[in-house]
Amino acid sequence: MNTRIASLAILAGLAGAPAVALADTAPVAAEVQRTAAPAPASQSESTSYAQREAQDKQAADFQGGNVVIVMSGAALVALVLILLIL
């Protein structure tokens, strides 16, 4: 049973090896573009935002989501393999 787990772990670890081996290692020249800063909001826009915020009392209590789940393809494959083993 341990050899099966070890072989699956090695397989999962080497799954991305062909893509890494074929990766282009030549340096890439970066191009920098300078842009002007955006114009500040006009007084009428600021006033309309303030009026809308005053009308909606729940906007002051809003708290964005604190949990973000990001899963790569390799992590997903590893998770599926682990779940299949168990």
PDB file of N, CA and C in Angstrom:
ATOM      1  N   MET A   1       0.826  -1.196   0.000  1.00  0.00           N
ATOM      2  CA  MET A   1       0.000   0.000   0.000  1.00  0.00           C
ATOM      3  C   MET A   1       0.867   1.255   0.000  1.00  0.00           C
ATOM      4  N   ASN A   2       1.985   1.231   0.754  1.00  0.00           N
ATOM      5  CA  ASN A   2       2.857   2.403   0.808  1.00  0.00           C
ATOM      6  C   ASN A   2       3.534   2.668  -0.535  1.00  0.00           C
ATOM      7  N   THR A   3       3.872   1.622  -1.258  1.00  0.00           N
ATOM      8  CA  THR A   3       4.498   1.817  -2.567  1.00  0.00           C
ATOM      9  C   THR A   3       3.513   2.435  -3.551  1.00  0.00           C
ATOM     10  N   ARG A   4       2.249   2.095  -3.396  1.00  0.00           N
ATOM     11  CA  ARG A   4       1.230   2.671  -4.274  1.00  0.00           C
ATOM     12  C   ARG A   4       1.102   4.167  -4.008  1.00  0.00           C
ATOM     13  N   ILE A   5       1.094   4.544  -2.748  1.00  0.00           N
ATOM     14  CA  ILE A   5       0.993   5.963  -2.391  1.00  0.00           C
ATOM     15  C   ILE A   5       2.228   6.708  -2.867  1.00  0.00           C
ATOM     16  N   ALA A   6       3.396   6.080  -2.678  1.00  0.00           N
ATOM     17  CA  ALA A   6       4.636   6.731  -3.110  1.00  0.00           C
ATOM     18  C   ALA A   6       4.668   6.900  -4.616  1.00  0.00           C
ATOM     19  N   SER A   7       4.226   5.899  -5.352  1.00  0.00           N
ATOM     20  CA  SER A   7       4.244   6.005  -6.806  1.00  0.00           C
ATOM     21  C   SER A   7       3.247   7.056  -7.296  1.00  0.00           C
ATOM     22  N   LEU A   8       2.108   7.171  -6.646  1.00  0.00           N
ATOM     23  CA  LEU A   8       1.146   8.205  -7.023  1.00  0.00           C
ATOM     24  C   LEU A   8       1.680   9.594  -6.691  1.00  0.00           C
ATOM     25  N   ALA A   9       2.408   9.706  -5.596  1.00  0.00           N
ATOM     26  CA  ALA A   9       2.990  10.999  -5.236  1.00  0.00           C
ATOM     27  C   ALA A   9       4.061  11.398  -6.251  1.00  0.00           C
ATOM     28  N   ILE A  10       4.877  10.448  -6.677  1.00  0.00           N
ATOM     29  CA  ILE A  10       5.894  10.742  -7.684  1.00  0.00           C
ATOM     30  C   ILE A  10       5.238  11.110  -9.009  1.00  0.00           C
ATOM     31  N   LEU A  11       4.189  10.389  -9.380  1.00  0.00           N
ATOM     32  CA  LEU A  11       3.460  10.690 -10.613  1.00  0.00           C
ATOM     33  C   LEU A  11       2.878  12.099 -10.567  1.00  0.00           C
ATOM     34  N   ALA A  12       2.292  12.468  -9.439  1.00  0.00           N
ATOM     35  CA  ALA A  12       1.713  13.806  -9.310  1.00  0.00           C
ATOM     36  C   ALA A  12       2.800  14.871  -9.369  1.00  0.00           C
ATOM     37  N   GLY A  13       3.958  14.581  -8.777  1.00  0.00           N
ATOM     38  CA  GLY A  13       5.049  15.539  -8.794  1.00  0.00           C
ATOM     39  C   GLY A  13       5.656  15.732 -10.164  1.00  0.00           C
ATOM     40  N   LEU A  14       5.680  14.678 -10.960  1.00  0.00           N
ATOM     41  CA  LEU A  14       6.278  14.751 -12.289  1.00  0.00           C
ATOM     42  C   LEU A  14       5.274  15.094 -13.387  1.00  0.00           C
ATOM     43  N   ALA A  15       4.027  15.330 -13.031  1.00  0.00           N
ATOM     44  CA  ALA A  15       2.997  15.599 -14.041  1.00  0.00           C
ATOM     45  C   ALA A  15       3.290  16.873 -14.833  1.00  0.00           C
ATOM     46  N   GLY A  16       3.903  17.851 -14.203  1.00  0.00           N
ATOM     47  CA  GLY A  16       4.187  19.111 -14.893  1.00  0.00           C
ATOM     48  C   GLY A  16       5.570  19.176 -15.494  1.00  0.00           C
ATOM     49  N   ALA A  17       6.356  18.113 -15.402  1.00  0.00           N
ATOM     50  CA  ALA A  17       7.736  18.133 -15.890  1.00  0.00           C
ATOM     51  C   ALA A  17       7.840  18.422 -17.391  1.00  0.00           C
ATOM     52  N   PRO A  18       7.008  17.849 -18.262  1.00  0.00           N
ATOM     53  CA  PRO A  18       7.141  18.176 -19.692  1.00  0.00           C
ATOM     54  C   PRO A  18       6.907  19.656 -19.993  1.00  0.00           C
ATOM     55  N   ALA A  19       5.970  20.253 -19.315  1.00  0.00           N
ATOM     56  CA  ALA A  19       5.691  21.667 -19.557  1.00  0.00           C
ATOM     57  C   ALA A  19       6.857  22.537 -19.094  1.00  0.00           C
ATOM     58  N   VAL A  20       7.465  22.184 -17.982  1.00  0.00           N
ATOM     59  CA  VAL A  20       8.603  22.947 -17.486  1.00  0.00           C
ATOM     60  C   VAL A  20       9.805  22.759 -18.389  1.00  0.00           C
ATOM     61  N   ALA A  21       9.996  21.552 -18.902  1.00  0.00           N
ATOM     62  CA  ALA A  21      11.138  21.273 -19.766  1.00  0.00           C
ATOM     63  C   ALA A  21      11.036  22.016 -21.093  1.00  0.00           C
ATOM     64  N   LEU A  22       9.839  22.247 -21.584  1.00  0.00           N
ATOM     65  CA  LEU A  22       9.655  22.922 -22.862  1.00  0.00           C
ATOM     66  C   LEU A  22       9.498  24.435 -22.728  1.00  0.00           C
ATOM     67  N   ALA A  23       9.587  24.952 -21.516  1.00  0.00           N
ATOM     68  CA  ALA A  23       9.397  26.382 -21.298  1.00  0.00           C
ATOM     69  C   ALA A  23      10.516  27.176 -21.955  1.00  0.00           C
ATOM     70  N   ASP A  24      10.166  28.309 -22.509  1.00  0.00           N
ATOM     71  CA  ASP A  24      11.142  29.175 -23.148  1.00  0.00           C
ATOM     72  C   ASP A  24      11.876  29.962 -22.071  1.00  0.00           C
ATOM     73  N   THR A  25      13.190  29.857 -22.064  1.00  0.00           N
ATOM     74  CA  THR A  25      13.966  30.523 -21.019  1.00  0.00           C
ATOM     75  C   THR A  25      14.618  31.810 -21.508  1.00  0.00           C
ATOM     76  N   ALA A  26      14.337  32.230 -22.747  1.00  0.00           N
ATOM     77  CA  ALA A  26      14.926  33.456 -23.272  1.00  0.00           C
ATOM     78  C   ALA A  26      14.349  34.655 -22.525  1.00  0.00           C
ATOM     79  N   PRO A  27      15.197  35.627 -22.196  1.00  0.00           N
ATOM     80  CA  PRO A  27      14.685  36.810 -21.498  1.00  0.00           C
ATOM     81  C   PRO A  27      13.755  37.618 -22.402  1.00  0.00           C
ATOM     82  N   VAL A  28      12.789  38.212 -21.792  1.00  0.00           N
ATOM     83  CA  VAL A  28      11.797  38.992 -22.522  1.00  0.00           C
ATOM     84  C   VAL A  28      12.012  40.459 -22.196  1.00  0.00           C
ATOM     85  N   ALA A  29      12.063  41.288 -23.220  1.00  0.00           N
ATOM     86  CA  ALA A  29      12.229  42.724 -23.014  1.00  0.00           C
ATOM     87  C   ALA A  29      10.906  43.319 -22.555  1.00  0.00           C
ATOM     88  N   ALA A  30      10.971  44.117 -21.525  1.00  0.00           N
ATOM     89  CA  ALA A  30       9.769  44.753 -21.003  1.00  0.00           C
ATOM     90  C   ALA A  30       9.628  46.148 -21.595  1.00  0.00           C
ATOM     91  N   GLU A  31       8.419  46.504 -21.927  1.00  0.00           N
ATOM     92  CA  GLU A  31       8.152  47.831 -22.460  1.00  0.00           C
ATOM     93  C   GLU A  31       7.371  48.614 -21.422  1.00  0.00           C
ATOM     94  N   VAL A  32       7.867  49.774 -21.076  1.00  0.00           N
ATOM     95  CA  VAL A  32       7.230  50.604 -20.051  1.00  0.00           C
ATOM     96  C   VAL A  32       6.549  51.769 -20.744  1.00  0.00           C
ATOM     97  N   GLN A  33       5.286  51.960 -20.417  1.00  0.00           N
ATOM     98  CA  GLN A  33       4.533  53.080 -20.979  1.00  0.00           C
ATOM     99  C   GLN A  33       4.114  53.989 -19.838  1.00  0.00           C
ATOM    100  N   ARG A  34       4.385  55.235 -19.996  1.00  0.00           N
ATOM    101  CA  ARG A  34       3.985  56.205 -18.982  1.00  0.00           C
ATOM    102  C   ARG A  34       2.642  56.806 -19.397  1.00  0.00           C
ATOM    103  N   THR A  35       1.726  56.823 -18.455  1.00  0.00           N
ATOM    104  CA  THR A  35       0.408  57.402 -18.727  1.00  0.00           C
ATOM    105  C   THR A  35       0.143  58.498 -17.715  1.00  0.00           C
ATOM    106  N   ALA A  36      -0.693  59.407 -18.100  1.00  0.00           N
ATOM    107  CA  ALA A  36      -1.049  60.503 -17.201  1.00  0.00           C
ATOM    108  C   ALA A  36      -1.996  60.004 -16.119  1.00  0.00           C
ATOM    109  N   ALA A  37      -1.920  60.607 -14.964  1.00  0.00           N
ATOM    110  CA  ALA A  37      -2.811  60.242 -13.863  1.00  0.00           C
ATOM    111  C   ALA A  37      -4.236  60.633 -14.232  1.00  0.00           C
ATOM    112  N   PRO A  38      -5.213  59.832 -13.807  1.00  0.00           N
ATOM    113  CA  PRO A  38      -6.599  60.182 -14.124  1.00  0.00           C
ATOM    114  C   PRO A  38      -7.008  61.494 -13.445  1.00  0.00           C
ATOM    115  N   ALA A  39      -7.893  62.188 -14.100  1.00  0.00           N
ATOM    116  CA  ALA A  39      -8.364  63.458 -13.553  1.00  0.00           C
ATOM    117  C   ALA A  39      -9.167  63.208 -12.284  1.00  0.00           C
ATOM    118  N   PRO A  40      -9.067  64.082 -11.312  1.00  0.00           N
ATOM    119  CA  PRO A  40      -9.862  63.896 -10.088  1.00  0.00           C
ATOM    120  C   PRO A  40     -11.356  63.985 -10.393  1.00  0.00           C
ATOM    121  N   ALA A  41     -12.136  63.346  -9.551  1.00  0.00           N
ATOM    122  CA  ALA A  41     -13.588  63.338  -9.747  1.00  0.00           C
ATOM    123  C   ALA A  41     -14.136  64.753  -9.636  1.00  0.00           C
ATOM    124  N   SER A  42     -15.097  65.049 -10.485  1.00  0.00           N
ATOM    125  CA  SER A  42     -15.690  66.380 -10.437  1.00  0.00           C
ATOM    126  C   SER A  42     -16.568  66.510  -9.195  1.00  0.00           C
ATOM    127  N   GLN A  43     -16.900  67.722  -8.873  1.00  0.00           N
ATOM    128  CA  GLN A  43     -17.709  67.990  -7.674  1.00  0.00           C
ATOM    129  C   GLN A  43     -19.086  67.341  -7.783  1.00  0.00           C
ATOM    130  N   SER A  44     -19.662  67.315  -8.999  1.00  0.00           N
ATOM    131  CA  SER A  44     -20.997  66.738  -9.155  1.00  0.00           C
ATOM    132  C   SER A  44     -20.957  65.221  -8.937  1.00  0.00           C
ATOM    133  N   GLU A  45     -19.863  64.542  -9.390  1.00  0.00           N
ATOM    134  CA  GLU A  45     -19.751  63.107  -9.167  1.00  0.00           C
ATOM    135  C   GLU A  45     -19.607  62.805  -7.680  1.00  0.00           C
ATOM    136  N   SER A  46     -18.781  63.579  -6.998  1.00  0.00           N
ATOM    137  CA  SER A  46     -18.589  63.370  -5.564  1.00  0.00           C
ATOM    138  C   SER A  46     -19.888  63.591  -4.802  1.00  0.00           C
ATOM    139  N   THR A  47     -20.632  64.591  -5.208  1.00  0.00           N
ATOM    140  CA  THR A  47     -21.906  64.885  -4.546  1.00  0.00           C
ATOM    141  C   THR A  47     -22.900  63.762  -4.775  1.00  0.00           C
ATOM    142  N   SER A  48     -22.965  63.231  -5.995  1.00  0.00           N
ATOM    143  CA  SER A  48     -23.931  62.164  -6.270  1.00  0.00           C
ATOM    144  C   SER A  48     -23.551  60.887  -5.524  1.00  0.00           C
ATOM    145  N   TYR A  49     -22.251  60.596  -5.410  1.00  0.00           N
ATOM    146  CA  TYR A  49     -21.833  59.422  -4.640  1.00  0.00           C
ATOM    147  C   TYR A  49     -22.201  59.593  -3.167  1.00  0.00           C
ATOM    148  N   ALA A  50     -21.985  60.770  -2.644  1.00  0.00           N
ATOM    149  CA  ALA A  50     -22.298  61.028  -1.239  1.00  0.00           C
ATOM    150  C   ALA A  50     -23.800  60.911  -0.986  1.00  0.00           C
ATOM    151  N   GLN A  51     -24.611  61.385  -1.926  1.00  0.00           N
ATOM    152  CA  GLN A  51     -26.066  61.290  -1.760  1.00  0.00           C
ATOM    153  C   GLN A  51     -26.520  59.830  -1.782  1.00  0.00           C
ATOM    154  N   ARG A  52     -25.960  59.039  -2.703  1.00  0.00           N
ATOM    155  CA  ARG A  52     -26.349  57.622  -2.775  1.00  0.00           C
ATOM    156  C   ARG A  52     -25.905  56.873  -1.526  1.00  0.00           C
ATOM    157  N   GLU A  53     -24.744  57.204  -1.004  1.00  0.00           N
ATOM    158  CA  GLU A  53     -24.266  56.527   0.190  1.00  0.00           C
ATOM    159  C   GLU A  53     -25.113  56.913   1.399  1.00  0.00           C
ATOM    160  N   ALA A  54     -25.558  58.154   1.450  1.00  0.00           N
ATOM    161  CA  ALA A  54     -26.407  58.593   2.555  1.00  0.00           C
ATOM    162  C   ALA A  54     -27.767  57.903   2.505  1.00  0.00           C
ATOM    163  N   GLN A  55     -28.276  57.616   1.308  1.00  0.00           N
ATOM    164  CA  GLN A  55     -29.569  56.965   1.177  1.00  0.00           C
ATOM    165  C   GLN A  55     -29.506  55.497   1.595  1.00  0.00           C
ATOM    166  N   ASP A  56     -28.392  54.837   1.327  1.00  0.00           N
ATOM    167  CA  ASP A  56     -28.267  53.416   1.632  1.00  0.00           C
ATOM    168  C   ASP A  56     -27.485  53.247   2.928  1.00  0.00           C
ATOM    169  N   LYS A  57     -28.173  53.011   4.026  1.00  0.00           N
ATOM    170  CA  LYS A  57     -27.541  52.898   5.336  1.00  0.00           C
ATOM    171  C   LYS A  57     -26.740  51.605   5.476  1.00  0.00           C
ATOM    172  N   GLN A  58     -27.043  50.583   4.692  1.00  0.00           N
ATOM    173  CA  GLN A  58     -26.316  49.321   4.792  1.00  0.00           C
ATOM    174  C   GLN A  58     -24.930  49.409   4.161  1.00  0.00           C
ATOM    175  N   ALA A  59     -24.692  50.399   3.329  1.00  0.00           N
ATOM    176  CA  ALA A  59     -23.391  50.519   2.670  1.00  0.00           C
ATOM    177  C   ALA A  59     -22.283  50.782   3.680  1.00  0.00           C
ATOM    178  N   ALA A  60     -22.600  51.470   4.763  1.00  0.00           N
ATOM    179  CA  ALA A  60     -21.587  51.769   5.782  1.00  0.00           C
ATOM    180  C   ALA A  60     -21.158  50.509   6.524  1.00  0.00           C
ATOM    181  N   ASP A  61     -22.036  49.516   6.618  1.00  0.00           N
ATOM    182  CA  ASP A  61     -21.724  48.288   7.353  1.00  0.00           C
ATOM    183  C   ASP A  61     -21.191  47.173   6.460  1.00  0.00           C
ATOM    184  N   PHE A  62     -20.972  47.453   5.187  1.00  0.00           N
ATOM    185  CA  PHE A  62     -20.534  46.404   4.261  1.00  0.00           C
ATOM    186  C   PHE A  62     -19.131  45.932   4.595  1.00  0.00           C
ATOM    187  N   GLN A  63     -18.972  44.616   4.646  1.00  0.00           N
ATOM    188  CA  GLN A  63     -17.654  44.005   4.811  1.00  0.00           C
ATOM    189  C   GLN A  63     -17.493  43.001   3.694  1.00  0.00           C
ATOM    190  N   GLY A  64     -16.447  43.170   2.919  1.00  0.00           N
ATOM    191  CA  GLY A  64     -16.200  42.259   1.806  1.00  0.00           C
ATOM    192  C   GLY A  64     -15.832  40.873   2.293  1.00  0.00           C
ATOM    193  N   GLY A  65     -15.895  39.909   1.395  1.00  0.00           N
ATOM    194  CA  GLY A  65     -15.545  38.543   1.739  1.00  0.00           C
ATOM    195  C   GLY A  65     -14.070  38.429   2.105  1.00  0.00           C
ATOM    196  N   ASN A  66     -13.785  37.710   3.162  1.00  0.00           N
ATOM    197  CA  ASN A  66     -12.415  37.571   3.634  1.00  0.00           C
ATOM    198  C   ASN A  66     -11.771  36.284   3.154  1.00  0.00           C
ATOM    199  N   VAL A  67     -12.546  35.376   2.587  1.00  0.00           N
ATOM    200  CA  VAL A  67     -12.019  34.076   2.212  1.00  0.00           C
ATOM    201  C   VAL A  67     -12.013  33.960   0.694  1.00  0.00           C
ATOM    202  N   VAL A  68     -10.849  33.653   0.147  1.00  0.00           N
ATOM    203  CA  VAL A  68     -10.714  33.435  -1.286  1.00  0.00           C
ATOM    204  C   VAL A  68     -10.025  32.090  -1.469  1.00  0.00           C
ATOM    205  N   ILE A  69     -10.640  31.226  -2.247  1.00  0.00           N
ATOM    206  CA  ILE A  69     -10.064  29.906  -2.493  1.00  0.00           C
ATOM    207  C   ILE A  69      -9.553  29.882  -3.919  1.00  0.00           C
ATOM    208  N   VAL A  70      -8.256  29.685  -4.065  1.00  0.00           N
ATOM    209  CA  VAL A  70      -7.634  29.600  -5.378  1.00  0.00           C
ATOM    210  C   VAL A  70      -6.990  28.232  -5.472  1.00  0.00           C
ATOM    211  N   MET A  71      -7.360  27.495  -6.495  1.00  0.00           N
ATOM    212  CA  MET A  71      -6.826  26.143  -6.631  1.00  0.00           C
ATOM    213  C   MET A  71      -6.244  25.989  -8.027  1.00  0.00           C
ATOM    214  N   SER A  72      -5.016  25.538  -8.084  1.00  0.00           N
ATOM    215  CA  SER A  72      -4.381  25.311  -9.376  1.00  0.00           C
ATOM    216  C   SER A  72      -4.781  23.940  -9.903  1.00  0.00           C
ATOM    217  N   GLY A  73      -4.499  23.714 -11.157  1.00  0.00           N
ATOM    218  CA  GLY A  73      -4.816  22.426 -11.770  1.00  0.00           C
ATOM    219  C   GLY A  73      -4.052  21.287 -11.115  1.00  0.00           C
ATOM    220  N   ALA A  74      -2.768  21.515 -10.786  1.00  0.00           N
ATOM    221  CA  ALA A  74      -1.967  20.468 -10.158  1.00  0.00           C
ATOM    222  C   ALA A  74      -2.507  20.122  -8.772  1.00  0.00           C
ATOM    223  N   ALA A  75      -2.931  21.140  -8.032  1.00  0.00           N
ATOM    224  CA  ALA A  75      -3.493  20.880  -6.710  1.00  0.00           C
ATOM    225  C   ALA A  75      -4.806  20.108  -6.828  1.00  0.00           C
ATOM    226  N   LEU A  76      -5.577  20.418  -7.850  1.00  0.00           N
ATOM    227  CA  LEU A  76      -6.831  19.711  -8.066  1.00  0.00           C
ATOM    228  C   LEU A  76      -6.577  18.243  -8.405  1.00  0.00           C
ATOM    229  N   VAL A  77      -5.589  17.973  -9.267  1.00  0.00           N
ATOM    230  CA  VAL A  77      -5.249  16.593  -9.615  1.00  0.00           C
ATOM    231  C   VAL A  77      -4.764  15.843  -8.379  1.00  0.00           C
ATOM    232  N   ALA A  78      -3.918  16.485  -7.575  1.00  0.00           N
ATOM    233  CA  ALA A  78      -3.417  15.845  -6.359  1.00  0.00           C
ATOM    234  C   ALA A  78      -4.565  15.540  -5.395  1.00  0.00           C
ATOM    235  N   LEU A  79      -5.499  16.465  -5.258  1.00  0.00           N
ATOM    236  CA  LEU A  79      -6.647  16.246  -4.377  1.00  0.00           C
ATOM    237  C   LEU A  79      -7.500  15.088  -4.864  1.00  0.00           C
ATOM    238  N   VAL A  80      -7.743  15.012  -6.159  1.00  0.00           N
ATOM    239  CA  VAL A  80      -8.536  13.913  -6.707  1.00  0.00           C
ATOM    240  C   VAL A  80      -7.831  12.591  -6.481  1.00  0.00           C
ATOM    241  N   LEU A  81      -6.510  12.550  -6.695  1.00  0.00           N
ATOM    242  CA  LEU A  81      -5.769  11.315  -6.459  1.00  0.00           C
ATOM    243  C   LEU A  81      -5.826  10.882  -4.993  1.00  0.00           C
ATOM    244  N   ILE A  82      -5.687  11.829  -4.105  1.00  0.00           N
ATOM    245  CA  ILE A  82      -5.758  11.505  -2.667  1.00  0.00           C
ATOM    246  C   ILE A  82      -7.149  10.969  -2.312  1.00  0.00           C
ATOM    247  N   LEU A  83      -8.183  11.598  -2.852  1.00  0.00           N
ATOM    248  CA  LEU A  83      -9.532  11.153  -2.560  1.00  0.00           C
ATOM    249  C   LEU A  83      -9.805   9.769  -3.153  1.00  0.00           C
ATOM    250  N   LEU A  84      -9.211   9.474  -4.297  1.00  0.00           N
ATOM    251  CA  LEU A  84      -9.386   8.147  -4.887  1.00  0.00           C
ATOM    252  C   LEU A  84      -8.677   7.077  -4.062  1.00  0.00           C
ATOM    253  N   ILE A  85      -7.538   7.433  -3.497  1.00  0.00           N
ATOM    254  CA  ILE A  85      -6.794   6.474  -2.675  1.00  0.00           C
ATOM    255  C   ILE A  85      -7.554   6.161  -1.399  1.00  0.00           C
ATOM    256  N   LEU A  86      -8.100   7.186  -0.784  1.00  0.00           N
ATOM    257  CA  LEU A  86      -8.808   6.988   0.482  1.00  0.00           C
ATOM    258  C   LEU A  86     -10.167   6.397   0.182  1.00  0.00           C
TER     259      LEU A  86
END
